[in-house]
Amino acid sequence: MTDAQPRVLVVGEALVDVVPDLDGHPQDLPGGSPANVAITLGRLGRDVRLVTLLGDDDRGAAVRAWLEASGVTVLAQPTASGRTSTAAVTLDATGAASYVFDLDWNLASVPDEECDVFHVGSIATVLEPGADAVLEAVRSRRGRALVSLDPNARPSITPDRAGPAARVEELVALADVVKVSDEDLEWLHPDSSPVETATRWAAAGPGLVVVTRGGDGAIAVRHDGTTLEVPGVPVVVADTVGAGDTFSGVLIDSLLALGVGGADGSAALRALTDRDVLEAVATAAIGAAVTVSRPGADPPDRAELTVALGGSGAPTE
């Protein structure tokens, strides 16, 4: 990386989560997995841009304002329908979220902007017609930036497992860092355990694959097959909306603080010590715990993360 502030480019959906309030009434909350990753990085003071789609409506204006309030530069193309996408959220007794989507992903192309980290994820990687533009952008960034991938299984949108699983496999082989939940891996590859799949993925190209397991912590698999385990963070759960996205954002931030990014990002990632990787993943888990402790996708800012880490904070450049 250069001495300048590293730049992160995120590509993916931004939408409105329609979430029940304490009385069960629906309320609009801006969200979308890649947007939440961008918000996390913006709140941590990173130079982050989001390539997405927004409708020319009140919801689109609200999403844009939400992103910009956290320092995210919004590079939005118009949706084909003119409406901003939505996700109807249902929370179970434990606060775990499930989603029903009304999503428009007709992304035509991704601007060829230079960046140190290029992050993609969620529905944007598998939903046509925009998924092809995302794949092409990932291919073009390989070797130019650290490529980060956060696949989410959304059976309500892509009920046929074969197509999304094949596309995710293609993206994994192009990625340097993959963060994925155990539930997503179980849906994508039900015949293998999550750790088995993560180990196979790590051998296919990425320098690091991290499997999140909710309250049970996370398992990191390195390029050489080394497996590192991070325990769960005790927390009273409000809901899980945005938890995995916060994890991804904080993980990227922690890797940047360790000097991992840019054209040599892949080599720098592989050169990290196991302790470096453990600390980065543990910091991400703590950041996610802050998010699940309060309603909606509400990642911590730098000061809040520092407090959650016991006052020490993550390493800085």
Protein backbone atom coordinates (compact mmCIF):
# COMPACT_ATOMS: atom_id res chain seq x y z
CA MET A 1 0.00 0.00 0.00
CA THR A 2 1.02 3.64 -0.41
CA ASP A 3 1.38 6.09 2.45
CA ALA A 4 -1.95 7.66 1.47
CA GLN A 5 -5.16 6.70 3.21
CA PRO A 6 -6.11 3.28 1.81
CA ARG A 7 -9.32 3.22 -0.21
CA VAL A 8 -12.00 0.55 -0.02
CA LEU A 9 -14.46 -0.01 -2.86
CA VAL A 10 -17.59 -1.99 -1.96
CA VAL A 11 -20.05 -3.30 -4.55
CA GLY A 12 -23.51 -4.62 -3.73
CA GLU A 13 -27.07 -3.99 -2.74
CA ALA A 14 -28.35 -1.15 -0.58
CA LEU A 15 -31.98 -1.42 0.45
CA VAL A 16 -34.53 -0.76 3.15
CA ASP A 17 -35.10 -3.37 5.84
CA VAL A 18 -38.74 -3.33 6.92
CA VAL A 19 -38.36 -4.41 10.55
CA PRO A 20 -41.03 -4.78 13.26
CA ASP A 21 -40.62 -2.36 16.15
CA LEU A 22 -41.21 -3.31 19.81
CA ASP A 23 -44.96 -3.15 19.22
CA GLY A 24 -44.77 -5.23 16.05
CA HIS A 25 -45.35 -2.31 13.69
CA PRO A 26 -43.20 -2.19 10.53
CA GLN A 27 -40.49 0.44 10.39
CA ASP A 28 -38.07 1.31 7.59
CA LEU A 29 -34.37 0.90 8.42
CA PRO A 30 -31.67 1.34 5.76
CA GLY A 31 -29.58 -1.79 5.18
CA GLY A 32 -28.29 -4.36 2.72
CA SER A 33 -25.24 -6.49 3.46
CA PRO A 34 -22.65 -4.64 1.31
CA ALA A 35 -24.08 -1.29 2.43
CA ASN A 36 -23.68 -2.38 6.05
CA VAL A 37 -20.04 -3.33 5.37
CA ALA A 38 -19.47 0.13 3.87
CA ILE A 39 -21.17 1.80 6.85
CA THR A 40 -18.94 -0.15 9.23
CA LEU A 41 -15.80 0.98 7.42
CA GLY A 42 -17.03 4.56 7.20
CA ARG A 43 -17.71 4.70 10.93
CA LEU A 44 -14.20 3.39 11.54
CA GLY A 45 -12.82 6.33 9.58
CA ARG A 46 -11.93 4.49 6.37
CA ASP A 47 -12.11 6.02 2.88
CA VAL A 48 -14.92 3.87 1.48
CA ARG A 49 -17.10 4.04 -1.62
CA LEU A 50 -20.21 1.99 -2.35
CA VAL A 51 -21.29 1.07 -5.87
CA THR A 52 -24.98 0.20 -5.66
CA LEU A 53 -28.48 0.78 -7.04
CA LEU A 54 -31.03 3.15 -5.53
CA GLY A 55 -34.50 4.16 -6.65
CA ASP A 56 -35.52 7.76 -7.22
CA ASP A 57 -37.86 7.72 -4.23
CA ASP A 58 -38.03 8.66 -0.56
CA ARG A 59 -36.51 5.36 0.50
CA GLY A 60 -33.58 5.86 -1.84
CA ALA A 61 -32.99 9.32 -0.43
CA ALA A 62 -33.11 7.93 3.10
CA VAL A 63 -30.59 5.19 2.28
CA ARG A 64 -28.23 7.69 0.64
CA ALA A 65 -28.43 10.04 3.63
CA TRP A 66 -27.78 7.13 6.02
CA LEU A 67 -24.68 6.09 4.11
CA GLU A 68 -23.30 9.60 3.74
CA ALA A 69 -23.85 10.34 7.45
CA SER A 70 -21.26 7.63 8.19
CA GLY A 71 -18.75 8.92 5.65
CA VAL A 72 -19.57 6.58 2.75
CA THR A 73 -19.24 8.00 -0.75
CA VAL A 74 -22.28 6.70 -2.66
CA LEU A 75 -21.88 5.76 -6.33
CA ALA A 76 -25.48 4.82 -7.09
CA GLN A 77 -26.98 3.79 -10.40
CA PRO A 78 -30.80 3.91 -10.86
CA THR A 79 -32.94 0.83 -10.40
CA ALA A 80 -34.88 -0.33 -13.44
CA SER A 81 -38.17 -0.04 -11.56
CA GLY A 82 -37.47 3.36 -10.04
CA ARG A 83 -38.09 1.86 -6.60
CA THR A 84 -35.52 1.25 -3.90
CA SER A 85 -35.22 -2.44 -3.00
CA THR A 86 -36.68 -3.73 0.27
CA ALA A 87 -36.29 -6.67 2.62
CA ALA A 88 -39.12 -7.62 4.97
CA VAL A 89 -37.45 -8.81 8.17
CA THR A 90 -38.89 -11.33 10.62
CA LEU A 91 -37.25 -11.85 14.01
CA ASP A 92 -37.60 -15.09 15.97
CA ALA A 93 -37.61 -15.40 19.76
CA THR A 94 -33.79 -15.24 19.89
CA GLY A 95 -33.56 -12.14 17.70
CA ALA A 96 -32.33 -14.08 14.66
CA ALA A 97 -33.46 -12.45 11.43
CA SER A 98 -34.95 -13.94 8.26
CA TYR A 99 -35.75 -11.97 5.10
CA VAL A 100 -38.21 -11.74 2.21
CA PHE A 101 -36.83 -9.55 -0.58
CA ASP A 102 -38.20 -7.23 -3.25
CA LEU A 103 -34.87 -6.65 -4.94
CA ASP A 104 -33.81 -4.95 -8.17
CA TRP A 105 -30.20 -5.74 -9.16
CA ASN A 106 -29.72 -4.59 -12.75
CA LEU A 107 -26.18 -3.24 -12.23
CA ALA A 108 -24.69 -2.52 -15.64
CA SER A 109 -21.03 -2.11 -14.71
CA VAL A 110 -18.61 -1.22 -11.92
CA PRO A 111 -16.49 1.95 -12.26
CA ASP A 112 -12.82 1.07 -12.74
CA GLU A 113 -11.67 3.02 -9.69
CA GLU A 114 -8.37 2.21 -8.03
CA CYS A 115 -8.65 0.81 -4.52
CA ASP A 116 -6.62 -1.07 -1.91
CA VAL A 117 -9.49 -3.39 -0.92
CA PHE A 118 -12.31 -4.48 -3.23
CA HIS A 119 -15.25 -6.02 -1.36
CA VAL A 120 -18.31 -7.77 -2.79
CA GLY A 121 -20.98 -9.90 -1.23
CA SER A 122 -24.48 -11.14 -0.63
CA ILE A 123 -27.25 -11.14 -3.21
CA ALA A 124 -25.34 -8.91 -5.61
CA THR A 125 -22.91 -11.74 -6.38
CA VAL A 126 -25.55 -14.25 -7.52
CA LEU A 127 -28.64 -12.33 -8.73
CA GLU A 128 -28.81 -11.62 -12.44
CA PRO A 129 -28.41 -9.47 -14.40
CA GLY A 130 -26.05 -7.55 -12.09
CA ALA A 131 -24.11 -10.59 -10.85
CA ASP A 132 -22.18 -10.82 -14.11
CA ALA A 133 -20.97 -7.23 -13.73
CA VAL A 134 -19.83 -8.04 -10.19
CA LEU A 135 -17.92 -11.12 -11.35
CA GLU A 136 -16.20 -9.17 -14.12
CA ALA A 137 -15.23 -6.46 -11.63
CA VAL A 138 -13.74 -9.04 -9.26
CA ARG A 139 -11.71 -10.53 -12.12
CA SER A 140 -10.40 -7.10 -13.05
CA ARG A 141 -9.33 -6.31 -9.46
CA ARG A 142 -7.46 -9.56 -8.82
CA GLY A 143 -3.78 -8.74 -8.36
CA ARG A 144 -4.56 -5.01 -8.14
CA ALA A 145 -6.27 -4.97 -4.74
CA LEU A 146 -7.06 -7.26 -1.83
CA VAL A 147 -10.32 -8.94 -2.88
CA SER A 148 -12.81 -9.58 -0.07
CA LEU A 149 -15.93 -11.76 -0.42
CA ASP A 150 -18.89 -12.19 1.94
CA PRO A 151 -21.39 -14.60 0.33
CA ASN A 152 -24.85 -14.84 1.89
CA ALA A 153 -27.28 -17.67 1.14
CA ARG A 154 -30.73 -16.26 0.33
CA PRO A 155 -32.92 -19.24 -0.63
CA SER A 156 -36.01 -17.02 -0.92
CA ILE A 157 -34.38 -15.26 -3.90
CA THR A 158 -32.30 -18.11 -5.35
CA PRO A 159 -34.10 -21.32 -4.30
CA ASP A 160 -32.13 -23.42 -6.80
CA ARG A 161 -28.87 -24.08 -4.94
CA ALA A 162 -26.81 -25.14 -7.99
CA GLY A 163 -26.50 -21.74 -9.67
CA PRO A 164 -25.53 -19.67 -6.61
CA ALA A 165 -23.19 -22.40 -5.33
CA ALA A 166 -21.33 -22.48 -8.65
CA ARG A 167 -21.04 -18.69 -8.80
CA VAL A 168 -19.79 -18.51 -5.21
CA GLU A 169 -17.16 -21.17 -5.98
CA GLU A 170 -15.97 -19.06 -8.92
CA LEU A 171 -15.72 -15.95 -6.75
CA VAL A 172 -13.97 -17.80 -3.92
CA ALA A 173 -11.19 -18.83 -6.30
CA LEU A 174 -10.67 -15.15 -7.18
CA ALA A 175 -10.84 -13.84 -3.60
CA ASP A 176 -8.11 -13.22 -1.02
CA VAL A 177 -10.35 -13.01 2.05
CA VAL A 178 -13.67 -14.81 2.49
CA LYS A 179 -16.00 -14.34 5.45
CA VAL A 180 -18.97 -16.72 5.51
CA SER A 181 -21.40 -17.97 8.15
CA ASP A 182 -21.76 -21.62 9.05
CA GLU A 183 -25.45 -21.43 8.10
CA ASP A 184 -24.60 -20.12 4.63
CA LEU A 185 -22.06 -22.89 4.12
CA GLU A 186 -24.55 -25.52 5.23
CA TRP A 187 -26.99 -24.27 2.59
CA LEU A 188 -24.41 -23.93 -0.17
CA HIS A 189 -22.74 -27.30 0.51
CA PRO A 190 -25.01 -29.45 2.70
CA ASP A 191 -22.93 -32.61 2.17
CA SER A 192 -19.83 -31.14 3.87
CA SER A 193 -19.26 -29.60 7.26
CA PRO A 194 -18.65 -25.82 7.26
CA VAL A 195 -15.01 -26.28 8.28
CA GLU A 196 -14.46 -28.88 5.55
CA THR A 197 -15.82 -26.49 2.95
CA ALA A 198 -13.78 -23.60 4.34
CA THR A 199 -10.61 -25.70 4.23
CA ARG A 200 -11.29 -26.65 0.62
CA TRP A 201 -11.92 -23.00 -0.23
CA ALA A 202 -8.68 -21.89 1.45
CA ALA A 203 -6.78 -24.34 -0.73
CA ALA A 204 -8.44 -22.93 -3.87
CA GLY A 205 -6.98 -19.42 -3.69
CA PRO A 206 -7.90 -17.26 -0.68
CA GLY A 207 -5.27 -16.49 1.92
CA LEU A 208 -7.92 -16.52 4.64
CA VAL A 209 -11.41 -18.02 5.03
CA VAL A 210 -13.32 -17.13 8.20
CA VAL A 211 -16.41 -19.09 9.24
CA THR A 212 -18.63 -17.22 11.70
CA ARG A 213 -20.73 -19.30 14.09
CA GLY A 214 -22.86 -16.74 15.91
CA GLY A 215 -22.49 -17.02 19.65
CA ASP A 216 -19.99 -19.84 19.23
CA GLY A 217 -17.34 -17.55 17.76
CA ALA A 218 -15.44 -18.06 14.53
CA ILE A 219 -12.96 -20.38 12.86
CA ALA A 220 -10.26 -19.00 10.57
CA VAL A 221 -8.63 -21.24 7.97
CA ARG A 222 -5.38 -20.00 6.42
CA HIS A 223 -3.98 -20.74 2.96
CA ASP A 224 -1.74 -23.50 4.34
CA GLY A 225 -4.64 -25.25 6.10
CA THR A 226 -3.85 -23.88 9.57
CA THR A 227 -7.08 -23.60 11.56
CA LEU A 228 -7.47 -20.96 14.27
CA GLU A 229 -10.45 -20.68 16.59
CA VAL A 230 -11.84 -17.51 18.18
CA PRO A 231 -14.34 -17.98 21.05
CA GLY A 232 -17.77 -16.38 21.09
CA VAL A 233 -18.30 -12.97 22.68
CA PRO A 234 -20.89 -12.99 25.51
CA VAL A 235 -23.62 -10.49 24.67
CA VAL A 236 -27.34 -9.90 25.24
CA VAL A 237 -28.81 -10.11 21.72
CA ALA A 238 -31.22 -7.45 20.54
CA ASP A 239 -31.21 -8.88 17.00
CA THR A 240 -28.68 -10.23 14.53
CA VAL A 241 -29.35 -7.75 11.71
CA GLY A 242 -26.02 -6.57 10.30
CA ALA A 243 -23.86 -8.70 12.58
CA GLY A 244 -22.02 -10.57 9.83
CA ASP A 245 -21.60 -7.37 7.82
CA THR A 246 -20.03 -5.64 10.81
CA PHE A 247 -17.71 -8.63 11.17
CA SER A 248 -16.61 -8.24 7.53
CA GLY A 249 -16.09 -4.49 7.84
CA VAL A 250 -14.07 -4.72 11.05
CA LEU A 251 -12.02 -7.60 9.62
CA ILE A 252 -11.13 -5.48 6.56
CA ASP A 253 -10.25 -2.56 8.84
CA SER A 254 -8.03 -4.77 11.00
CA LEU A 255 -6.24 -6.21 7.98
CA LEU A 256 -5.62 -2.72 6.60
CA ALA A 257 -4.16 -1.74 9.98
CA LEU A 258 -1.75 -4.67 9.60
CA GLY A 259 -0.61 -3.40 6.21
CA VAL A 260 -2.66 -5.83 4.14
CA GLY A 261 -4.02 -4.25 0.98
CA GLY A 262 -3.20 -3.07 -2.50
CA ALA A 263 -1.44 -5.01 -5.24
CA ASP A 264 0.70 -6.89 -2.71
CA GLY A 265 -2.23 -7.56 -0.39
CA SER A 266 -2.38 -11.27 -1.11
CA ALA A 267 1.29 -11.77 -0.23
CA ALA A 268 1.02 -9.55 2.85
CA LEU A 269 -1.97 -11.55 4.07
CA ARG A 270 -0.09 -14.83 3.76
CA ALA A 271 2.91 -13.31 5.58
CA LEU A 272 0.88 -12.47 8.71
CA THR A 273 1.59 -14.46 11.84
CA ASP A 274 -1.12 -16.67 13.31
CA ARG A 275 -1.31 -14.21 16.20
CA ASP A 276 -1.98 -11.33 13.79
CA VAL A 277 -4.80 -13.31 12.18
CA LEU A 278 -6.28 -14.31 15.54
CA GLU A 279 -6.27 -10.71 16.75
CA ALA A 280 -7.89 -9.46 13.54
CA VAL A 281 -10.64 -12.10 13.69
CA ALA A 282 -11.20 -11.55 17.43
CA THR A 283 -11.55 -7.81 16.84
CA ALA A 284 -14.12 -8.50 14.12
CA ALA A 285 -16.07 -10.75 16.50
CA ILE A 286 -16.13 -8.03 19.15
CA GLY A 287 -17.34 -5.48 16.62
CA ALA A 288 -20.15 -7.82 15.57
CA ALA A 289 -21.11 -8.31 19.23
CA VAL A 290 -21.62 -4.56 19.58
CA THR A 291 -24.01 -4.63 16.63
CA VAL A 292 -26.10 -7.54 17.92
CA SER A 293 -26.43 -5.80 21.30
CA ARG A 294 -28.64 -3.10 19.75
CA PRO A 295 -31.52 -3.12 17.25
CA GLY A 296 -30.91 -3.05 13.51
CA ALA A 297 -27.71 -2.75 11.51
CA ASP A 298 -25.93 -0.26 13.78
CA PRO A 299 -22.16 -0.93 13.67
CA PRO A 300 -19.80 0.68 16.16
CA ASP A 301 -17.68 3.70 15.38
CA ARG A 302 -13.97 3.79 16.22
CA ALA A 303 -14.49 5.05 19.76
CA GLU A 304 -17.13 2.41 20.53
CA LEU A 305 -14.97 -0.36 19.12
CA THR A 306 -12.03 0.83 21.20
CA VAL A 307 -14.16 0.70 24.35
CA ALA A 308 -15.44 -2.78 23.43
CA LEU A 309 -11.85 -3.94 22.98
CA GLY A 310 -11.06 -2.83 26.52
CA GLY A 311 -9.59 0.50 25.59
CA SER A 312 -6.67 -0.83 23.57
CA GLY A 313 -8.26 -0.53 20.13
CA ALA A 314 -7.19 -2.32 16.98
CA PRO A 315 -3.68 -1.77 15.63
CA THR A 316 -3.29 1.32 13.46
CA GLU A 317 -1.06 2.01 10.48
